[in-house]
Amino acid sequence: MFLTNVLFKKAKSKMIMVLMESVVSGHQITRIRERLADKLEFIYFDPYIQQDSVYKERKKIRSIKSS
């Protein structure tokens, strides 16, 4: 193996999978967003309370390879 192969950094992926959590009940779902985008926050149906609720991004789960 050549030394140049060791020195190359891996290219970061453009998309990441994040964990979204309901502010009201704690229900969790996953979504995919761009790495450089702002944190996600949206209104979505919460099955625990049977109403729409605000979901906020809680943490990054993994990177997604782009083709």
PDB file of N, CA and C in Angstrom:
ATOM      1  N   MET A   1       0.855  -1.187   0.000  1.00  0.00           N
ATOM      2  CA  MET A   1       0.000   0.000   0.000  1.00  0.00           C
ATOM      3  C   MET A   1       0.890   1.236   0.000  1.00  0.00           C
ATOM      4  N   PHE A   2       0.515   2.211  -0.833  1.00  0.00           N
ATOM      5  CA  PHE A   2       1.284   3.435  -0.942  1.00  0.00           C
ATOM      6  C   PHE A   2       0.921   4.400   0.174  1.00  0.00           C
ATOM      7  N   LEU A   3       1.853   5.227   0.552  1.00  0.00           N
ATOM      8  CA  LEU A   3       1.629   6.208   1.607  1.00  0.00           C
ATOM      9  C   LEU A   3       0.551   7.212   1.220  1.00  0.00           C
ATOM     10  N   THR A   4       0.417   7.526  -0.056  1.00  0.00           N
ATOM     11  CA  THR A   4      -0.594   8.490  -0.494  1.00  0.00           C
ATOM     12  C   THR A   4      -2.007   7.977  -0.244  1.00  0.00           C
ATOM     13  N   ASN A   5      -2.219   6.672  -0.318  1.00  0.00           N
ATOM     14  CA  ASN A   5      -3.540   6.108  -0.036  1.00  0.00           C
ATOM     15  C   ASN A   5      -3.933   6.295   1.418  1.00  0.00           C
ATOM     16  N   VAL A   6      -2.981   6.290   2.305  1.00  0.00           N
ATOM     17  CA  VAL A   6      -3.249   6.454   3.731  1.00  0.00           C
ATOM     18  C   VAL A   6      -3.598   7.903   4.044  1.00  0.00           C
ATOM     19  N   LEU A   7      -3.004   8.840   3.342  1.00  0.00           N
ATOM     20  CA  LEU A   7      -3.175  10.253   3.652  1.00  0.00           C
ATOM     21  C   LEU A   7      -4.478  10.860   3.143  1.00  0.00           C
ATOM     22  N   PHE A   8      -5.153  10.184   2.214  1.00  0.00           N
ATOM     23  CA  PHE A   8      -6.407  10.717   1.681  1.00  0.00           C
ATOM     24  C   PHE A   8      -7.508  10.632   2.717  1.00  0.00           C
ATOM     25  N   LYS A   9      -8.235  11.714   2.883  1.00  0.00           N
ATOM     26  CA  LYS A   9      -9.378  11.700   3.792  1.00  0.00           C
ATOM     27  C   LYS A   9     -10.597  11.176   3.054  1.00  0.00           C
ATOM     28  N   LYS A  10     -11.498  10.551   3.797  1.00  0.00           N
ATOM     29  CA  LYS A  10     -12.748  10.101   3.194  1.00  0.00           C
ATOM     30  C   LYS A  10     -13.619  11.316   2.922  1.00  0.00           C
ATOM     31  N   ALA A  11     -14.296  11.298   1.805  1.00  0.00           N
ATOM     32  CA  ALA A  11     -15.204  12.393   1.478  1.00  0.00           C
ATOM     33  C   ALA A  11     -16.448  12.264   2.351  1.00  0.00           C
ATOM     34  N   LYS A  12     -16.889  13.383   2.924  1.00  0.00           N
ATOM     35  CA  LYS A  12     -18.090  13.353   3.754  1.00  0.00           C
ATOM     36  C   LYS A  12     -19.318  13.250   2.863  1.00  0.00           C
ATOM     37  N   SER A  13     -20.298  12.515   3.347  1.00  0.00           N
ATOM     38  CA  SER A  13     -21.524  12.362   2.574  1.00  0.00           C
ATOM     39  C   SER A  13     -22.333  13.655   2.645  1.00  0.00           C
ATOM     40  N   LYS A  14     -23.228  13.837   1.695  1.00  0.00           N
ATOM     41  CA  LYS A  14     -24.027  15.058   1.640  1.00  0.00           C
ATOM     42  C   LYS A  14     -25.302  14.963   2.459  1.00  0.00           C
ATOM     43  N   MET A  15     -25.739  13.745   2.735  1.00  0.00           N
ATOM     44  CA  MET A  15     -26.999  13.542   3.463  1.00  0.00           C
ATOM     45  C   MET A  15     -26.746  12.816   4.780  1.00  0.00           C
ATOM     46  N   ILE A  16     -27.569  13.129   5.793  1.00  0.00           N
ATOM     47  CA  ILE A  16     -27.502  12.410   7.059  1.00  0.00           C
ATOM     48  C   ILE A  16     -28.908  12.032   7.509  1.00  0.00           C
ATOM     49  N   MET A  17     -29.006  10.946   8.257  1.00  0.00           N
ATOM     50  CA  MET A  17     -30.269  10.516   8.838  1.00  0.00           C
ATOM     51  C   MET A  17     -30.317  11.058  10.267  1.00  0.00           C
ATOM     52  N   VAL A  18     -31.433  11.699  10.629  1.00  0.00           N
ATOM     53  CA  VAL A  18     -31.565  12.283  11.957  1.00  0.00           C
ATOM     54  C   VAL A  18     -32.803  11.740  12.660  1.00  0.00           C
ATOM     55  N   LEU A  19     -32.766  11.749  13.984  1.00  0.00           N
ATOM     56  CA  LEU A  19     -33.883  11.310  14.802  1.00  0.00           C
ATOM     57  C   LEU A  19     -34.716  12.523  15.182  1.00  0.00           C
ATOM     58  N   MET A  20     -36.010  12.463  14.861  1.00  0.00           N
ATOM     59  CA  MET A  20     -36.939  13.548  15.174  1.00  0.00           C
ATOM     60  C   MET A  20     -37.803  13.111  16.351  1.00  0.00           C
ATOM     61  N   GLU A  21     -38.061  14.023  17.287  1.00  0.00           N
ATOM     62  CA  GLU A  21     -38.844  13.679  18.467  1.00  0.00           C
ATOM     63  C   GLU A  21     -39.960  14.687  18.663  1.00  0.00           C
ATOM     64  N   SER A  22     -41.162  14.177  18.967  1.00  0.00           N
ATOM     65  CA  SER A  22     -42.309  15.027  19.235  1.00  0.00           C
ATOM     66  C   SER A  22     -42.085  15.786  20.533  1.00  0.00           C
ATOM     67  N   VAL A  23     -42.381  17.080  20.521  1.00  0.00           N
ATOM     68  CA  VAL A  23     -42.224  17.910  21.709  1.00  0.00           C
ATOM     69  C   VAL A  23     -43.266  17.526  22.761  1.00  0.00           C
ATOM     70  N   VAL A  24     -44.436  17.099  22.328  1.00  0.00           N
ATOM     71  CA  VAL A  24     -45.550  16.804  23.229  1.00  0.00           C
ATOM     72  C   VAL A  24     -45.412  15.433  23.893  1.00  0.00           C
ATOM     73  N   SER A  25     -45.267  14.368  23.090  1.00  0.00           N
ATOM     74  CA  SER A  25     -45.355  13.020  23.643  1.00  0.00           C
ATOM     75  C   SER A  25     -44.036  12.250  23.658  1.00  0.00           C
ATOM     76  N   GLY A  26     -43.050  12.690  22.901  1.00  0.00           N
ATOM     77  CA  GLY A  26     -41.792  11.959  22.837  1.00  0.00           C
ATOM     78  C   GLY A  26     -41.747  10.911  21.740  1.00  0.00           C
ATOM     79  N   HIS A  27     -42.788  10.828  20.905  1.00  0.00           N
ATOM     80  CA  HIS A  27     -42.802   9.903  19.769  1.00  0.00           C
ATOM     81  C   HIS A  27     -41.639  10.233  18.845  1.00  0.00           C
ATOM     82  N   GLN A  28     -40.962   9.203  18.325  1.00  0.00           N
ATOM     83  CA  GLN A  28     -39.773   9.421  17.510  1.00  0.00           C
ATOM     84  C   GLN A  28     -39.951   8.873  16.098  1.00  0.00           C
ATOM     85  N   ILE A  29     -39.406   9.610  15.121  1.00  0.00           N
ATOM     86  CA  ILE A  29     -39.362   9.186  13.726  1.00  0.00           C
ATOM     87  C   ILE A  29     -38.004   9.571  13.160  1.00  0.00           C
ATOM     88  N   THR A  30     -37.650   9.001  12.020  1.00  0.00           N
ATOM     89  CA  THR A  30     -36.385   9.360  11.380  1.00  0.00           C
ATOM     90  C   THR A  30     -36.651  10.093  10.082  1.00  0.00           C
ATOM     91  N   ARG A  31     -35.771  11.003   9.736  1.00  0.00           N
ATOM     92  CA  ARG A  31     -35.842  11.752   8.487  1.00  0.00           C
ATOM     93  C   ARG A  31     -34.427  11.914   7.941  1.00  0.00           C
ATOM     94  N   ILE A  32     -34.335  12.220   6.660  1.00  0.00           N
ATOM     95  CA  ILE A  32     -33.051  12.458   6.008  1.00  0.00           C
ATOM     96  C   ILE A  32     -32.981  13.932   5.619  1.00  0.00           C
ATOM     97  N   ARG A  33     -31.833  14.553   5.909  1.00  0.00           N
ATOM     98  CA  ARG A  33     -31.631  15.951   5.545  1.00  0.00           C
ATOM     99  C   ARG A  33     -30.203  16.138   5.043  1.00  0.00           C
ATOM    100  N   GLU A  34     -29.952  17.274   4.406  1.00  0.00           N
ATOM    101  CA  GLU A  34     -28.599  17.583   3.937  1.00  0.00           C
ATOM    102  C   GLU A  34     -27.715  17.924   5.128  1.00  0.00           C
ATOM    103  N   ARG A  35     -26.460  17.557   5.031  1.00  0.00           N
ATOM    104  CA  ARG A  35     -25.525  17.780   6.131  1.00  0.00           C
ATOM    105  C   ARG A  35     -25.378  19.266   6.495  1.00  0.00           C
ATOM    106  N   LEU A  36     -25.359  20.124   5.500  1.00  0.00           N
ATOM    107  CA  LEU A  36     -25.117  21.543   5.744  1.00  0.00           C
ATOM    108  C   LEU A  36     -26.386  22.347   6.018  1.00  0.00           C
ATOM    109  N   ALA A  37     -27.545  21.712   5.932  1.00  0.00           N
ATOM    110  CA  ALA A  37     -28.812  22.412   6.165  1.00  0.00           C
ATOM    111  C   ALA A  37     -29.014  22.665   7.657  1.00  0.00           C
ATOM    112  N   ASP A  38     -29.949  23.583   7.965  1.00  0.00           N
ATOM    113  CA  ASP A  38     -30.293  23.854   9.361  1.00  0.00           C
ATOM    114  C   ASP A  38     -30.984  22.636   9.961  1.00  0.00           C
ATOM    115  N   LYS A  39     -31.065  22.612  11.295  1.00  0.00           N
ATOM    116  CA  LYS A  39     -31.754  21.509  11.973  1.00  0.00           C
ATOM    117  C   LYS A  39     -33.226  21.525  11.595  1.00  0.00           C
ATOM    118  N   LEU A  40     -33.799  20.323  11.468  1.00  0.00           N
ATOM    119  CA  LEU A  40     -35.195  20.193  11.062  1.00  0.00           C
ATOM    120  C   LEU A  40     -36.149  20.495  12.213  1.00  0.00           C
ATOM    121  N   GLU A  41     -37.281  21.073  11.843  1.00  0.00           N
ATOM    122  CA  GLU A  41     -38.377  21.296  12.781  1.00  0.00           C
ATOM    123  C   GLU A  41     -39.635  21.427  11.939  1.00  0.00           C
ATOM    124  N   PHE A  42     -40.637  20.595  12.208  1.00  0.00           N
ATOM    125  CA  PHE A  42     -41.847  20.619  11.394  1.00  0.00           C
ATOM    126  C   PHE A  42     -43.032  20.101  12.194  1.00  0.00           C
ATOM    127  N   ILE A  43     -44.229  20.288  11.630  1.00  0.00           N
ATOM    128  CA  ILE A  43     -45.458  19.799  12.238  1.00  0.00           C
ATOM    129  C   ILE A  43     -45.848  18.511  11.516  1.00  0.00           C
ATOM    130  N   TYR A  44     -46.165  17.466  12.307  1.00  0.00           N
ATOM    131  CA  TYR A  44     -46.468  16.146  11.759  1.00  0.00           C
ATOM    132  C   TYR A  44     -47.452  15.458  12.690  1.00  0.00           C
ATOM    133  N   PHE A  45     -48.198  14.505  12.156  1.00  0.00           N
ATOM    134  CA  PHE A  45     -49.194  13.799  12.969  1.00  0.00           C
ATOM    135  C   PHE A  45     -48.518  12.918  14.014  1.00  0.00           C
ATOM    136  N   ASP A  46     -48.924  13.059  15.271  1.00  0.00           N
ATOM    137  CA  ASP A  46     -48.401  12.270  16.383  1.00  0.00           C
ATOM    138  C   ASP A  46     -49.427  11.192  16.747  1.00  0.00           C
ATOM    139  N   PRO A  47     -49.106   9.916  16.534  1.00  0.00           N
ATOM    140  CA  PRO A  47     -50.090   8.856  16.802  1.00  0.00           C
ATOM    141  C   PRO A  47     -50.403   8.661  18.282  1.00  0.00           C
ATOM    142  N   TYR A  48     -49.546   9.081  19.173  1.00  0.00           N
ATOM    143  CA  TYR A  48     -49.800   8.916  20.606  1.00  0.00           C
ATOM    144  C   TYR A  48     -50.938   9.802  21.090  1.00  0.00           C
ATOM    145  N   ILE A  49     -50.984  11.042  20.579  1.00  0.00           N
ATOM    146  CA  ILE A  49     -52.026  11.972  21.029  1.00  0.00           C
ATOM    147  C   ILE A  49     -53.110  12.180  19.975  1.00  0.00           C
ATOM    148  N   GLN A  50     -52.956  11.538  18.814  1.00  0.00           N
ATOM    149  CA  GLN A  50     -53.926  11.621  17.714  1.00  0.00           C
ATOM    150  C   GLN A  50     -54.147  13.063  17.225  1.00  0.00           C
ATOM    151  N   GLN A  51     -53.102  13.875  17.225  1.00  0.00           N
ATOM    152  CA  GLN A  51     -53.151  15.261  16.749  1.00  0.00           C
ATOM    153  C   GLN A  51     -51.822  15.620  16.112  1.00  0.00           C
ATOM    154  N   ASP A  52     -51.814  16.754  15.409  1.00  0.00           N
ATOM    155  CA  ASP A  52     -50.561  17.265  14.879  1.00  0.00           C
ATOM    156  C   ASP A  52     -49.713  17.814  16.024  1.00  0.00           C
ATOM    157  N   SER A  53     -48.407  17.634  15.897  1.00  0.00           N
ATOM    158  CA  SER A  53     -47.489  18.070  16.941  1.00  0.00           C
ATOM    159  C   SER A  53     -46.216  18.595  16.291  1.00  0.00           C
ATOM    160  N   VAL A  54     -45.442  19.381  17.019  1.00  0.00           N
ATOM    161  CA  VAL A  54     -44.163  19.884  16.535  1.00  0.00           C
ATOM    162  C   VAL A  54     -43.099  18.823  16.797  1.00  0.00           C
ATOM    163  N   TYR A  55     -42.333  18.501  15.762  1.00  0.00           N
ATOM    164  CA  TYR A  55     -41.215  17.573  15.878  1.00  0.00           C
ATOM    165  C   TYR A  55     -39.922  18.362  15.720  1.00  0.00           C
ATOM    166  N   LYS A  56     -38.966  18.108  16.622  1.00  0.00           N
ATOM    167  CA  LYS A  56     -37.666  18.767  16.554  1.00  0.00           C
ATOM    168  C   LYS A  56     -36.579  17.713  16.410  1.00  0.00           C
ATOM    169  N   GLU A  57     -35.503  18.100  15.732  1.00  0.00           N
ATOM    170  CA  GLU A  57     -34.383  17.187  15.532  1.00  0.00           C
ATOM    171  C   GLU A  57     -33.673  16.965  16.863  1.00  0.00           C
ATOM    172  N   ARG A  58     -33.457  15.693  17.187  1.00  0.00           N
ATOM    173  CA  ARG A  58     -32.825  15.364  18.456  1.00  0.00           C
ATOM    174  C   ARG A  58     -31.357  15.016  18.298  1.00  0.00           C
ATOM    175  N   LYS A  59     -31.038  14.106  17.335  1.00  0.00           N
ATOM    176  CA  LYS A  59     -29.635  13.748  17.133  1.00  0.00           C
ATOM    177  C   LYS A  59     -29.419  13.118  15.764  1.00  0.00           C
ATOM    178  N   LYS A  60     -28.155  13.100  15.353  1.00  0.00           N
ATOM    179  CA  LYS A  60     -27.762  12.463  14.102  1.00  0.00           C
ATOM    180  C   LYS A  60     -27.646  10.967  14.335  1.00  0.00           C
ATOM    181  N   ILE A  61     -28.170  10.180  13.402  1.00  0.00           N
ATOM    182  CA  ILE A  61     -28.088   8.726  13.523  1.00  0.00           C
ATOM    183  C   ILE A  61     -26.935   8.184  12.689  1.00  0.00           C
ATOM    184  N   ARG A  62     -26.903   8.549  11.402  1.00  0.00           N
ATOM    185  CA  ARG A  62     -25.853   8.047  10.529  1.00  0.00           C
ATOM    186  C   ARG A  62     -25.733   8.873   9.265  1.00  0.00           C
ATOM    187  N   SER A  63     -24.662   8.677   8.519  1.00  0.00           N
ATOM    188  CA  SER A  63     -24.482   9.310   7.225  1.00  0.00           C
ATOM    189  C   SER A  63     -25.091   8.435   6.143  1.00  0.00           C
ATOM    190  N   ILE A  64     -25.550   9.068   5.079  1.00  0.00           N
ATOM    191  CA  ILE A  64     -26.154   8.347   3.961  1.00  0.00           C
ATOM    192  C   ILE A  64     -25.275   8.527   2.734  1.00  0.00           C
ATOM    193  N   LYS A  65     -24.867   7.426   2.133  1.00  0.00           N
ATOM    194  CA  LYS A  65     -24.044   7.507   0.924  1.00  0.00           C
ATOM    195  C   LYS A  65     -24.890   8.026  -0.229  1.00  0.00           C
ATOM    196  N   SER A  66     -24.334   8.944  -0.976  1.00  0.00           N
ATOM    197  CA  SER A  66     -25.043   9.428  -2.166  1.00  0.00           C
ATOM    198  C   SER A  66     -24.360   8.859  -3.398  1.00  0.00           C
ATOM    199  N   SER A  67     -25.134   8.527  -4.382  1.00  0.00           N
ATOM    200  CA  SER A  67     -24.610   7.884  -5.594  1.00  0.00           C
ATOM    201  C   SER A  67     -23.950   8.878  -6.498  1.00  0.00           C
TER     202      SER A  67
END
